[in-house]
Structure formats: structure tokens, C-alpha cells
């Protein structure tokens, strides 16, 4: 991490009023894809009881966010985003820790996340936090028509 640590904002659960700002941050950080509706993801996380969106607020607005969920077998981390002007000061690490604490509090024995294979910056970030590449292949299909 470069430079002096900025004061790290408090990380807390998002509310429905945070949706627009969180989705805007996810988009600014290029975490969204046309086939995924981040608004629907946000709403489902807040409504499900087995997921949450955690946010870090700063004076200038939203500084970071992460979505976490527990499927009963593994904990998952999605959409970890830090505003570009707040990067490299420990906020990404703090968001990841907050997400893992949320998962640990629900009994998740393991944290997993998916990173696109060409996203070297994200892979480097997570490896620096001690996450290891897993020997698995992710398979999937869309369940709704037209996706």
C-alpha cells in the first residue's frame, strides 16, 4: 500500500437509500456487466437475510462498498469497490475484513470470490490479502430468458 493511511471511515450495513450511490460506485469501478443488474443484486442482498451490502462513508460521499453472502456452505464476496481517490490507503483491506467478519458471524467456514482472469490488479490485491487461487472451474448458466 502506498502513502499515508487516510482516516478509515466506519463500515456499516447499507440501507435501501444507499442503492443509487452504491451502484454508481460499482459502475465507476467497472464491476458491473450488461448481463447483471446491479440494482437487482443490491435489492436482493438487502432483502435476502443471507447477504448484505456493507458501505464505508466519507465526507465526500460513499468511499467504498462490498456485497457479501452466505449460502450455508461458503461465504462469498462480491462487488468490492473503493472510490478511485480513496485507493491505496487500506480501505479495500478494511472492507474485505468487514465482509469476512460478517460471514464469520454467520458461521461461514470459508470465504470465496470470483475475479475475472484478466483482472491482474484485483488478483494482486486479493493475493496480497492472503487469498489463494483455487483449483476449481466455475460453471454457470442464466436462469432467466433473454439474459
N, C-alpha and C. Protein backbone atom coordinates (compact mmCIF):
# COMPACT_ATOMS: atom_id res chain seq x y z
N UNK A 1 0.84 -1.17 0.00
CA UNK A 1 0.00 0.00 0.00
C UNK A 1 0.88 1.23 0.00
N UNK A 2 0.52 2.16 -0.80
CA UNK A 2 1.33 3.36 -0.90
C UNK A 2 0.83 4.46 0.00
N UNK A 3 1.72 5.32 0.40
CA UNK A 3 1.34 6.55 1.08
C UNK A 3 0.83 6.38 2.49
N UNK A 4 0.47 7.52 3.04
CA UNK A 4 -0.05 7.62 4.40
C UNK A 4 -1.47 7.07 4.46
N UNK A 5 -1.82 6.41 5.54
CA UNK A 5 -3.20 5.93 5.71
C UNK A 5 -4.10 7.13 5.96
N UNK A 6 -5.14 7.25 5.18
CA UNK A 6 -6.18 8.22 5.47
C UNK A 6 -7.00 7.68 6.62
N UNK A 7 -7.73 8.55 7.28
CA UNK A 7 -8.66 8.09 8.30
C UNK A 7 -9.64 7.14 7.62
N UNK A 8 -9.74 5.91 8.12
CA UNK A 8 -10.64 4.94 7.52
C UNK A 8 -12.05 5.18 8.03
N UNK A 9 -13.00 5.30 7.11
CA UNK A 9 -14.38 5.53 7.53
C UNK A 9 -14.98 4.30 8.20
N UNK A 10 -16.01 4.53 8.97
CA UNK A 10 -16.77 3.46 9.60
C UNK A 10 -17.46 2.65 8.51
N UNK A 11 -17.43 1.34 8.65
CA UNK A 11 -18.09 0.45 7.70
C UNK A 11 -19.33 -0.10 8.38
N UNK A 12 -20.47 0.03 7.70
CA UNK A 12 -21.74 -0.40 8.27
C UNK A 12 -22.64 -0.94 7.17
N UNK A 13 -23.70 -1.60 7.56
CA UNK A 13 -24.66 -2.15 6.60
C UNK A 13 -25.34 -1.02 5.83
N UNK A 14 -25.49 -1.24 4.54
CA UNK A 14 -26.19 -0.29 3.69
C UNK A 14 -27.68 -0.39 3.92
N UNK A 15 -28.37 0.67 3.62
CA UNK A 15 -29.82 0.68 3.63
C UNK A 15 -30.32 0.92 2.21
N UNK A 16 -31.61 0.81 2.02
CA UNK A 16 -32.17 0.98 0.68
C UNK A 16 -31.86 2.36 0.11
N UNK A 17 -31.69 3.35 0.96
CA UNK A 17 -31.36 4.70 0.49
C UNK A 17 -29.96 4.79 -0.12
N UNK A 18 -29.13 3.79 0.08
CA UNK A 18 -27.77 3.77 -0.45
C UNK A 18 -27.68 3.18 -1.85
N UNK A 19 -28.77 2.63 -2.37
CA UNK A 19 -28.72 1.89 -3.63
C UNK A 19 -28.09 2.68 -4.77
N UNK A 20 -28.56 3.88 -5.03
CA UNK A 20 -28.05 4.65 -6.17
C UNK A 20 -26.55 4.92 -6.04
N UNK A 21 -26.10 5.31 -4.86
CA UNK A 21 -24.68 5.62 -4.67
C UNK A 21 -23.82 4.38 -4.77
N UNK A 22 -24.29 3.26 -4.23
CA UNK A 22 -23.52 2.01 -4.30
C UNK A 22 -23.41 1.54 -5.74
N UNK A 23 -24.51 1.52 -6.46
CA UNK A 23 -24.48 1.08 -7.86
C UNK A 23 -23.60 2.02 -8.69
N UNK A 24 -23.67 3.32 -8.43
CA UNK A 24 -22.80 4.26 -9.14
C UNK A 24 -21.33 3.96 -8.87
N UNK A 25 -21.00 3.61 -7.63
CA UNK A 25 -19.62 3.25 -7.29
C UNK A 25 -19.21 1.97 -8.01
N UNK A 26 -20.07 0.96 -7.98
CA UNK A 26 -19.75 -0.29 -8.67
C UNK A 26 -19.50 -0.03 -10.15
N UNK A 27 -20.31 0.83 -10.74
CA UNK A 27 -20.12 1.16 -12.16
C UNK A 27 -18.83 1.93 -12.38
N UNK A 28 -18.54 2.90 -11.53
CA UNK A 28 -17.32 3.69 -11.65
C UNK A 28 -16.08 2.81 -11.54
N UNK A 29 -16.19 1.74 -10.77
CA UNK A 29 -15.06 0.81 -10.59
C UNK A 29 -15.09 -0.33 -11.61
N UNK A 30 -15.99 -0.24 -12.58
CA UNK A 30 -16.10 -1.20 -13.68
C UNK A 30 -16.35 -2.63 -13.20
N UNK A 31 -17.22 -2.75 -12.19
CA UNK A 31 -17.55 -4.07 -11.65
C UNK A 31 -18.83 -4.65 -12.23
N UNK A 32 -19.57 -3.86 -12.95
CA UNK A 32 -20.85 -4.32 -13.49
C UNK A 32 -20.67 -4.81 -14.92
N UNK A 33 -21.59 -5.65 -15.33
CA UNK A 33 -21.62 -6.18 -16.69
C UNK A 33 -23.05 -6.07 -17.19
N UNK A 34 -23.24 -5.93 -18.50
CA UNK A 34 -24.60 -5.74 -19.04
C UNK A 34 -25.58 -6.86 -18.67
N UNK A 35 -25.10 -8.05 -18.50
CA UNK A 35 -25.99 -9.17 -18.20
C UNK A 35 -26.35 -9.28 -16.72
N UNK A 36 -25.75 -8.48 -15.86
CA UNK A 36 -26.09 -8.46 -14.44
C UNK A 36 -26.72 -7.11 -14.11
N UNK A 37 -27.82 -7.14 -13.40
CA UNK A 37 -28.48 -5.90 -12.97
C UNK A 37 -28.02 -5.57 -11.56
N UNK A 38 -27.10 -4.60 -11.40
CA UNK A 38 -26.58 -4.31 -10.06
C UNK A 38 -27.65 -3.78 -9.11
N UNK A 39 -28.68 -3.11 -9.64
CA UNK A 39 -29.77 -2.66 -8.77
C UNK A 39 -30.50 -3.86 -8.18
N UNK A 40 -30.78 -4.86 -9.02
CA UNK A 40 -31.44 -6.07 -8.54
C UNK A 40 -30.55 -6.81 -7.55
N UNK A 41 -29.24 -6.89 -7.83
CA UNK A 41 -28.31 -7.53 -6.91
C UNK A 41 -28.33 -6.85 -5.54
N UNK A 42 -28.30 -5.52 -5.56
CA UNK A 42 -28.32 -4.74 -4.31
C UNK A 42 -29.60 -5.04 -3.53
N UNK A 43 -30.75 -4.96 -4.20
CA UNK A 43 -32.03 -5.17 -3.54
C UNK A 43 -32.16 -6.59 -3.00
N UNK A 44 -31.73 -7.57 -3.78
CA UNK A 44 -31.79 -8.96 -3.32
C UNK A 44 -30.92 -9.18 -2.09
N UNK A 45 -29.74 -8.57 -2.09
CA UNK A 45 -28.84 -8.71 -0.93
C UNK A 45 -29.50 -8.16 0.33
N UNK A 46 -30.12 -6.99 0.21
CA UNK A 46 -30.74 -6.40 1.39
C UNK A 46 -31.97 -7.18 1.84
N UNK A 47 -32.67 -7.80 0.92
CA UNK A 47 -33.92 -8.49 1.24
C UNK A 47 -33.74 -9.94 1.67
N UNK A 48 -32.60 -10.55 1.35
CA UNK A 48 -32.47 -12.00 1.49
C UNK A 48 -32.28 -12.50 2.91
N UNK A 49 -31.66 -11.73 3.76
CA UNK A 49 -31.34 -12.22 5.10
C UNK A 49 -30.05 -13.03 5.14
N UNK A 50 -29.58 -13.50 3.99
CA UNK A 50 -28.32 -14.26 3.96
C UNK A 50 -27.24 -13.50 3.21
N UNK A 51 -27.47 -12.21 3.01
CA UNK A 51 -26.49 -11.37 2.31
C UNK A 51 -26.60 -9.95 2.86
N UNK A 52 -25.59 -9.16 2.55
CA UNK A 52 -25.58 -7.76 2.98
C UNK A 52 -24.70 -6.96 2.04
N UNK A 53 -24.94 -5.68 1.99
CA UNK A 53 -24.02 -4.75 1.36
C UNK A 53 -23.49 -3.88 2.48
N UNK A 54 -22.18 -3.84 2.60
CA UNK A 54 -21.52 -3.02 3.62
C UNK A 54 -20.92 -1.81 2.94
N UNK A 55 -21.06 -0.64 3.56
CA UNK A 55 -20.56 0.59 2.95
C UNK A 55 -19.64 1.34 3.90
N UNK A 56 -18.72 2.05 3.30
CA UNK A 56 -17.82 2.94 4.02
C UNK A 56 -18.15 4.36 3.56
N UNK A 57 -18.59 5.18 4.48
CA UNK A 57 -18.98 6.55 4.13
C UNK A 57 -17.86 7.51 4.48
N UNK A 58 -17.68 8.50 3.63
CA UNK A 58 -16.69 9.55 3.87
C UNK A 58 -17.41 10.89 3.71
N UNK A 59 -16.73 11.96 4.09
CA UNK A 59 -17.33 13.30 3.98
C UNK A 59 -17.80 13.59 2.56
N UNK A 60 -17.05 13.13 1.59
CA UNK A 60 -17.37 13.41 0.19
C UNK A 60 -18.37 12.41 -0.39
N UNK A 61 -18.94 11.54 0.44
CA UNK A 61 -19.90 10.56 -0.06
C UNK A 61 -19.44 9.15 0.23
N UNK A 62 -19.83 8.25 -0.63
CA UNK A 62 -19.51 6.84 -0.44
C UNK A 62 -18.04 6.60 -0.82
N UNK A 63 -17.27 6.03 0.10
CA UNK A 63 -15.86 5.76 -0.16
C UNK A 63 -15.63 4.33 -0.64
N UNK A 64 -16.52 3.41 -0.26
CA UNK A 64 -16.34 2.02 -0.65
C UNK A 64 -17.55 1.19 -0.30
N UNK A 65 -17.62 0.00 -0.89
CA UNK A 65 -18.73 -0.91 -0.62
C UNK A 65 -18.31 -2.33 -0.96
N UNK A 66 -18.98 -3.28 -0.33
CA UNK A 66 -18.77 -4.70 -0.64
C UNK A 66 -20.07 -5.43 -0.37
N UNK A 67 -20.39 -6.39 -1.22
CA UNK A 67 -21.55 -7.24 -1.01
C UNK A 67 -21.05 -8.60 -0.56
N UNK A 68 -21.67 -9.17 0.46
CA UNK A 68 -21.30 -10.48 0.98
C UNK A 68 -22.54 -11.34 1.12
N UNK A 69 -22.35 -12.64 1.02
CA UNK A 69 -23.46 -13.56 1.18
C UNK A 69 -22.97 -14.91 1.68
N UNK A 70 -23.84 -15.59 2.40
CA UNK A 70 -23.53 -16.92 2.92
C UNK A 70 -24.57 -17.88 2.39
N UNK A 71 -24.12 -18.89 1.65
CA UNK A 71 -25.05 -19.85 1.02
C UNK A 71 -25.29 -21.08 1.90
N UNK A 72 -24.77 -21.07 3.12
CA UNK A 72 -24.92 -22.22 4.01
C UNK A 72 -23.73 -23.16 3.96
N UNK A 73 -22.89 -22.97 2.98
CA UNK A 73 -21.70 -23.81 2.81
C UNK A 73 -20.43 -22.96 2.76
N UNK A 74 -20.48 -21.87 2.01
CA UNK A 74 -19.34 -20.96 1.88
C UNK A 74 -19.81 -19.52 1.94
N UNK A 75 -18.90 -18.68 2.37
CA UNK A 75 -19.15 -17.25 2.30
C UNK A 75 -18.63 -16.71 0.98
N UNK A 76 -19.35 -15.77 0.42
CA UNK A 76 -18.98 -15.19 -0.87
C UNK A 76 -18.84 -13.68 -0.75
N UNK A 77 -17.87 -13.15 -1.48
CA UNK A 77 -17.63 -11.71 -1.54
C UNK A 77 -17.84 -11.28 -2.99
N UNK A 78 -18.62 -10.20 -3.15
CA UNK A 78 -18.91 -9.66 -4.48
C UNK A 78 -18.74 -8.14 -4.46
N UNK A 79 -18.46 -7.59 -5.60
CA UNK A 79 -18.53 -6.13 -5.80
C UNK A 79 -17.71 -5.33 -4.79
N UNK A 80 -16.53 -5.79 -4.41
CA UNK A 80 -15.71 -4.96 -3.51
C UNK A 80 -15.19 -3.79 -4.32
N UNK A 81 -15.56 -2.59 -3.90
CA UNK A 81 -15.21 -1.38 -4.65
C UNK A 81 -14.74 -0.29 -3.71
N UNK A 82 -13.69 0.39 -4.11
CA UNK A 82 -13.19 1.56 -3.38
C UNK A 82 -13.13 2.70 -4.38
N UNK A 83 -13.67 3.85 -4.00
CA UNK A 83 -13.63 5.03 -4.87
C UNK A 83 -12.18 5.29 -5.29
N UNK A 84 -11.95 5.59 -6.55
CA UNK A 84 -10.57 5.74 -7.04
C UNK A 84 -9.71 6.67 -6.20
N UNK A 85 -10.26 7.77 -5.72
CA UNK A 85 -9.46 8.73 -4.93
C UNK A 85 -9.17 8.24 -3.52
N UNK A 86 -9.78 7.14 -3.10
CA UNK A 86 -9.58 6.59 -1.76
C UNK A 86 -8.72 5.32 -1.76
N UNK A 87 -8.23 4.93 -2.93
CA UNK A 87 -7.48 3.68 -3.03
C UNK A 87 -6.06 3.81 -2.47
N UNK A 88 -5.51 2.64 -2.13
CA UNK A 88 -4.12 2.51 -1.67
C UNK A 88 -3.88 3.13 -0.29
N UNK A 89 -4.95 3.14 0.53
CA UNK A 89 -4.84 3.65 1.89
C UNK A 89 -5.45 2.70 2.91
N UNK A 90 -5.73 1.46 2.50
CA UNK A 90 -6.21 0.46 3.44
C UNK A 90 -7.71 0.24 3.46
N UNK A 91 -8.47 1.00 2.69
CA UNK A 91 -9.92 0.85 2.74
C UNK A 91 -10.38 -0.46 2.12
N UNK A 92 -9.77 -0.90 1.03
CA UNK A 92 -10.13 -2.19 0.44
C UNK A 92 -9.89 -3.32 1.42
N UNK A 93 -8.77 -3.27 2.09
CA UNK A 93 -8.44 -4.27 3.12
C UNK A 93 -9.48 -4.24 4.24
N UNK A 94 -9.86 -3.03 4.67
CA UNK A 94 -10.84 -2.89 5.75
C UNK A 94 -12.21 -3.40 5.31
N UNK A 95 -12.60 -3.15 4.07
CA UNK A 95 -13.88 -3.66 3.57
C UNK A 95 -13.87 -5.18 3.52
N UNK A 96 -12.76 -5.74 3.06
CA UNK A 96 -12.65 -7.20 3.00
C UNK A 96 -12.74 -7.79 4.40
N UNK A 97 -12.07 -7.16 5.36
CA UNK A 97 -12.12 -7.63 6.75
C UNK A 97 -13.54 -7.54 7.29
N UNK A 98 -14.23 -6.45 7.01
CA UNK A 98 -15.61 -6.28 7.48
C UNK A 98 -16.51 -7.35 6.86
N UNK A 99 -16.29 -7.62 5.58
CA UNK A 99 -17.07 -8.67 4.92
C UNK A 99 -16.81 -10.03 5.52
N UNK A 100 -15.55 -10.34 5.78
CA UNK A 100 -15.22 -11.62 6.39
C UNK A 100 -15.74 -11.71 7.82
N UNK A 101 -15.74 -10.60 8.54
CA UNK A 101 -16.31 -10.60 9.90
C UNK A 101 -17.81 -10.89 9.83
N UNK A 102 -18.50 -10.28 8.85
CA UNK A 102 -19.94 -10.52 8.68
C UNK A 102 -20.17 -12.00 8.41
N UNK A 103 -19.37 -12.59 7.53
CA UNK A 103 -19.51 -14.01 7.18
C UNK A 103 -19.17 -14.90 8.37
N UNK A 104 -18.11 -14.59 9.07
CA UNK A 104 -17.70 -15.36 10.25
C UNK A 104 -18.81 -15.36 11.29
N UNK A 105 -19.47 -14.21 11.44
CA UNK A 105 -20.55 -14.08 12.40
C UNK A 105 -21.76 -14.94 12.06
N UNK A 106 -21.84 -15.42 10.84
CA UNK A 106 -22.93 -16.29 10.41
C UNK A 106 -22.50 -17.74 10.27
N UNK A 107 -21.26 -18.03 10.69
CA UNK A 107 -20.78 -19.40 10.68
C UNK A 107 -20.14 -19.87 9.38
N UNK A 108 -19.86 -18.95 8.47
CA UNK A 108 -19.21 -19.35 7.21
C UNK A 108 -17.79 -19.84 7.49
N UNK A 109 -17.45 -21.06 7.05
CA UNK A 109 -16.12 -21.60 7.32
C UNK A 109 -15.07 -21.13 6.32
N UNK A 110 -15.49 -20.56 5.21
CA UNK A 110 -14.54 -20.21 4.15
C UNK A 110 -15.09 -19.02 3.37
N UNK A 111 -14.18 -18.18 2.90
CA UNK A 111 -14.54 -17.06 2.03
C UNK A 111 -14.09 -17.38 0.62
N UNK A 112 -14.94 -17.12 -0.32
CA UNK A 112 -14.59 -17.27 -1.73
C UNK A 112 -15.07 -16.06 -2.50
N UNK A 113 -14.44 -15.82 -3.62
CA UNK A 113 -14.86 -14.77 -4.53
C UNK A 113 -14.39 -15.12 -5.92
N UNK A 114 -14.98 -14.48 -6.89
CA UNK A 114 -14.60 -14.70 -8.28
C UNK A 114 -13.99 -13.42 -8.82
N UNK A 115 -12.91 -13.57 -9.56
CA UNK A 115 -12.24 -12.45 -10.21
C UNK A 115 -12.06 -12.84 -11.68
N UNK A 116 -12.36 -11.93 -12.56
CA UNK A 116 -12.12 -12.22 -13.97
C UNK A 116 -10.63 -12.47 -14.19
N UNK A 117 -10.32 -13.49 -14.97
CA UNK A 117 -8.93 -13.95 -15.10
C UNK A 117 -7.98 -12.90 -15.66
N UNK A 118 -8.50 -11.89 -16.35
CA UNK A 118 -7.62 -10.86 -16.91
C UNK A 118 -7.49 -9.63 -16.00
N UNK A 119 -8.08 -9.67 -14.81
CA UNK A 119 -8.03 -8.54 -13.89
C UNK A 119 -6.84 -8.70 -12.94
N UNK A 120 -5.66 -8.42 -13.46
CA UNK A 120 -4.43 -8.61 -12.70
C UNK A 120 -4.37 -7.75 -11.44
N UNK A 121 -4.90 -6.53 -11.51
CA UNK A 121 -4.87 -5.65 -10.33
C UNK A 121 -5.67 -6.27 -9.19
N UNK A 122 -6.87 -6.76 -9.49
CA UNK A 122 -7.69 -7.37 -8.45
C UNK A 122 -7.05 -8.65 -7.94
N UNK A 123 -6.53 -9.46 -8.83
CA UNK A 123 -5.86 -10.69 -8.40
C UNK A 123 -4.70 -10.39 -7.47
N UNK A 124 -3.91 -9.39 -7.80
CA UNK A 124 -2.79 -9.00 -6.95
C UNK A 124 -3.25 -8.50 -5.60
N UNK A 125 -4.33 -7.71 -5.58
CA UNK A 125 -4.88 -7.20 -4.33
C UNK A 125 -5.30 -8.35 -3.41
N UNK A 126 -6.08 -9.29 -3.94
CA UNK A 126 -6.57 -10.39 -3.11
C UNK A 126 -5.45 -11.32 -2.69
N UNK A 127 -4.49 -11.55 -3.55
CA UNK A 127 -3.35 -12.39 -3.16
C UNK A 127 -2.54 -11.73 -2.06
N UNK A 128 -2.43 -10.40 -2.10
CA UNK A 128 -1.72 -9.67 -1.04
C UNK A 128 -2.45 -9.79 0.30
N UNK A 129 -3.76 -10.03 0.25
CA UNK A 129 -4.53 -10.23 1.48
C UNK A 129 -4.49 -11.67 1.97
N UNK A 130 -3.80 -12.53 1.23
CA UNK A 130 -3.65 -13.92 1.65
C UNK A 130 -4.64 -14.89 1.02
N UNK A 131 -5.45 -14.42 0.09
CA UNK A 131 -6.35 -15.34 -0.60
C UNK A 131 -5.54 -16.10 -1.64
N UNK A 132 -5.90 -17.34 -1.86
CA UNK A 132 -5.16 -18.19 -2.79
C UNK A 132 -6.06 -18.61 -3.94
N UNK A 133 -5.46 -18.77 -5.10
CA UNK A 133 -6.21 -19.29 -6.25
C UNK A 133 -6.61 -20.72 -5.95
N UNK A 134 -7.84 -21.03 -6.26
CA UNK A 134 -8.39 -22.35 -6.00
C UNK A 134 -8.37 -23.17 -7.29
N UNK A 135 -8.23 -24.47 -7.13
CA UNK A 135 -8.20 -25.36 -8.30
C UNK A 135 -9.62 -25.81 -8.62
N UNK A 136 -10.43 -24.85 -9.05
CA UNK A 136 -11.81 -25.13 -9.44
C UNK A 136 -12.10 -24.40 -10.74
N UNK A 137 -13.10 -24.86 -11.42
CA UNK A 137 -13.60 -24.19 -12.61
C UNK A 137 -15.02 -23.76 -12.30
N UNK A 138 -15.34 -22.52 -12.57
CA UNK A 138 -16.69 -22.04 -12.33
C UNK A 138 -17.52 -22.29 -13.58
N UNK A 139 -18.64 -22.92 -13.37
CA UNK A 139 -19.59 -23.19 -14.46
C UNK A 139 -20.88 -22.44 -14.15
N UNK A 140 -21.63 -22.11 -15.17
CA UNK A 140 -22.88 -21.43 -14.91
C UNK A 140 -23.78 -21.34 -16.11
N UNK A 141 -24.99 -20.92 -15.86
CA UNK A 141 -25.93 -20.61 -16.93
C UNK A 141 -26.94 -19.62 -16.37
N UNK A 142 -27.50 -18.83 -17.26
CA UNK A 142 -28.53 -17.88 -16.87
C UNK A 142 -29.86 -18.62 -16.72
N UNK A 143 -30.62 -18.27 -15.69
CA UNK A 143 -31.89 -18.93 -15.42
C UNK A 143 -33.09 -18.15 -15.95
N UNK A 144 -32.87 -16.92 -16.34
CA UNK A 144 -33.99 -16.16 -16.90
C UNK A 144 -33.80 -16.03 -18.40
N UNK A 145 -34.89 -16.03 -19.08
CA UNK A 145 -34.83 -15.93 -20.55
C UNK A 145 -34.35 -14.54 -20.95
N UNK A 146 -33.62 -14.49 -22.06
CA UNK A 146 -33.14 -13.23 -22.59
C UNK A 146 -31.87 -12.73 -21.95
N UNK A 147 -31.33 -13.45 -20.99
CA UNK A 147 -30.10 -12.99 -20.32
C UNK A 147 -28.89 -13.45 -21.11
